[in-house]
Amino acid sequence: MSERPLNRLKVVLVENQKTSKWLAEQLGVSAVTVSKWCTNMHQPDLQTLSKIADILNVDVKDMLNSTKEA
């Protein structure tokens, strides 16, 4: 069983026509940090995930992949 990504940040950025560099500037973090989130190497904490959802004007639930099997 392969491990599924936890967050959908990369997809949500594309849907909103935004770059990871732009998001890094909005959050005041490095582009490398956002890149690690986008590739699911690391995960943002819940407070940061909530900020990202606000910045991108999406529901925080839309930032996460479902943990339930289809």
C-alpha atoms as a PDB file:
ATOM      1  CA  MET A   1       0.000   0.000   0.000  1.00  0.00           C
ATOM      2  CA  SER A   2       1.525   3.325  -1.043  1.00  0.00           C
ATOM      3  CA  GLU A   3       1.263   6.266   1.283  1.00  0.00           C
ATOM      4  CA  ARG A   4      -1.197   8.883   0.071  1.00  0.00           C
ATOM      5  CA  PRO A   5      -0.351  12.588   0.318  1.00  0.00           C
ATOM      6  CA  LEU A   6      -1.992  14.317   3.269  1.00  0.00           C
ATOM      7  CA  ASN A   7      -2.441  17.762   1.800  1.00  0.00           C
ATOM      8  CA  ARG A   8      -3.664  19.056  -1.551  1.00  0.00           C
ATOM      9  CA  LEU A   9      -1.719  22.314  -1.419  1.00  0.00           C
ATOM     10  CA  LYS A  10      -0.089  21.928  -4.837  1.00  0.00           C
ATOM     11  CA  VAL A  11      -3.455  21.218  -6.484  1.00  0.00           C
ATOM     12  CA  VAL A  12      -5.200  24.098  -4.696  1.00  0.00           C
ATOM     13  CA  LEU A  13      -2.435  26.524  -5.727  1.00  0.00           C
ATOM     14  CA  VAL A  14      -2.845  25.464  -9.373  1.00  0.00           C
ATOM     15  CA  GLU A  15      -6.637  25.783  -9.142  1.00  0.00           C
ATOM     16  CA  ASN A  16      -6.176  29.330  -7.814  1.00  0.00           C
ATOM     17  CA  GLN A  17      -3.475  30.183 -10.374  1.00  0.00           C
ATOM     18  CA  LYS A  18      -0.964  30.966  -7.621  1.00  0.00           C
ATOM     19  CA  THR A  19       2.645  29.898  -7.189  1.00  0.00           C
ATOM     20  CA  SER A  20       4.377  28.434  -4.179  1.00  0.00           C
ATOM     21  CA  LYS A  21       6.686  31.481  -4.213  1.00  0.00           C
ATOM     22  CA  TRP A  22       3.660  33.777  -3.985  1.00  0.00           C
ATOM     23  CA  LEU A  23       2.271  31.773  -1.055  1.00  0.00           C
ATOM     24  CA  ALA A  24       5.635  31.850   0.710  1.00  0.00           C
ATOM     25  CA  GLU A  25       5.640  35.657   0.431  1.00  0.00           C
ATOM     26  CA  GLN A  26       2.082  35.849   1.806  1.00  0.00           C
ATOM     27  CA  LEU A  27       3.003  33.685   4.802  1.00  0.00           C
ATOM     28  CA  GLY A  28       6.464  35.125   5.421  1.00  0.00           C
ATOM     29  CA  VAL A  29       8.140  31.721   5.068  1.00  0.00           C
ATOM     30  CA  SER A  30      10.770  30.459   2.652  1.00  0.00           C
ATOM     31  CA  ALA A  31       9.853  29.102  -0.760  1.00  0.00           C
ATOM     32  CA  VAL A  32      11.669  25.894   0.231  1.00  0.00           C
ATOM     33  CA  THR A  33       9.239  25.424   3.134  1.00  0.00           C
ATOM     34  CA  VAL A  34       6.215  25.779   0.859  1.00  0.00           C
ATOM     35  CA  SER A  35       7.834  23.459  -1.669  1.00  0.00           C
ATOM     36  CA  LYS A  36       8.191  20.775   1.020  1.00  0.00           C
ATOM     37  CA  TRP A  37       4.514  21.198   1.874  1.00  0.00           C
ATOM     38  CA  CYS A  38       3.545  20.947  -1.811  1.00  0.00           C
ATOM     39  CA  THR A  39       5.488  17.717  -2.232  1.00  0.00           C
ATOM     40  CA  ASN A  40       4.192  16.354   1.092  1.00  0.00           C
ATOM     41  CA  MET A  41       7.726  15.969   2.452  1.00  0.00           C
ATOM     42  CA  HIS A  42       6.568  18.014   5.447  1.00  0.00           C
ATOM     43  CA  GLN A  43       3.152  19.216   6.594  1.00  0.00           C
ATOM     44  CA  PRO A  44       2.143  22.685   7.750  1.00  0.00           C
ATOM     45  CA  ASP A  45       0.745  22.858  11.271  1.00  0.00           C
ATOM     46  CA  LEU A  46      -3.016  23.302  11.619  1.00  0.00           C
ATOM     47  CA  GLN A  47      -2.761  27.025  12.323  1.00  0.00           C
ATOM     48  CA  THR A  48      -0.680  27.534   9.178  1.00  0.00           C
ATOM     49  CA  LEU A  49      -3.012  25.337   7.143  1.00  0.00           C
ATOM     50  CA  SER A  50      -5.905  27.520   8.292  1.00  0.00           C
ATOM     51  CA  LYS A  51      -3.983  30.675   7.238  1.00  0.00           C
ATOM     52  CA  ILE A  52      -3.280  29.130   3.838  1.00  0.00           C
ATOM     53  CA  ALA A  53      -6.972  28.316   3.374  1.00  0.00           C
ATOM     54  CA  ASP A  54      -7.873  31.920   4.265  1.00  0.00           C
ATOM     55  CA  ILE A  55      -5.270  33.346   1.874  1.00  0.00           C
ATOM     56  CA  LEU A  56      -6.508  31.112  -0.956  1.00  0.00           C
ATOM     57  CA  ASN A  57     -10.157  31.664  -0.004  1.00  0.00           C
ATOM     58  CA  VAL A  58     -10.934  27.953   0.310  1.00  0.00           C
ATOM     59  CA  ASP A  59     -12.343  25.793   3.084  1.00  0.00           C
ATOM     60  CA  VAL A  60      -9.588  24.191   5.148  1.00  0.00           C
ATOM     61  CA  LYS A  61     -11.208  20.806   4.404  1.00  0.00           C
ATOM     62  CA  ASP A  62     -10.422  21.375   0.719  1.00  0.00           C
ATOM     63  CA  MET A  63      -6.737  21.511   1.635  1.00  0.00           C
ATOM     64  CA  LEU A  64      -6.713  17.895   2.845  1.00  0.00           C
ATOM     65  CA  ASN A  65      -7.029  14.562   1.115  1.00  0.00           C
ATOM     66  CA  SER A  66      -9.704  12.313   2.519  1.00  0.00           C
ATOM     67  CA  THR A  67      -8.479   9.611   4.854  1.00  0.00           C
ATOM     68  CA  LYS A  68     -11.429   7.373   3.968  1.00  0.00           C
ATOM     69  CA  GLU A  69     -11.220   4.906   1.134  1.00  0.00           C
ATOM     70  CA  ALA A  70     -13.651   5.536  -1.712  1.00  0.00           C
END
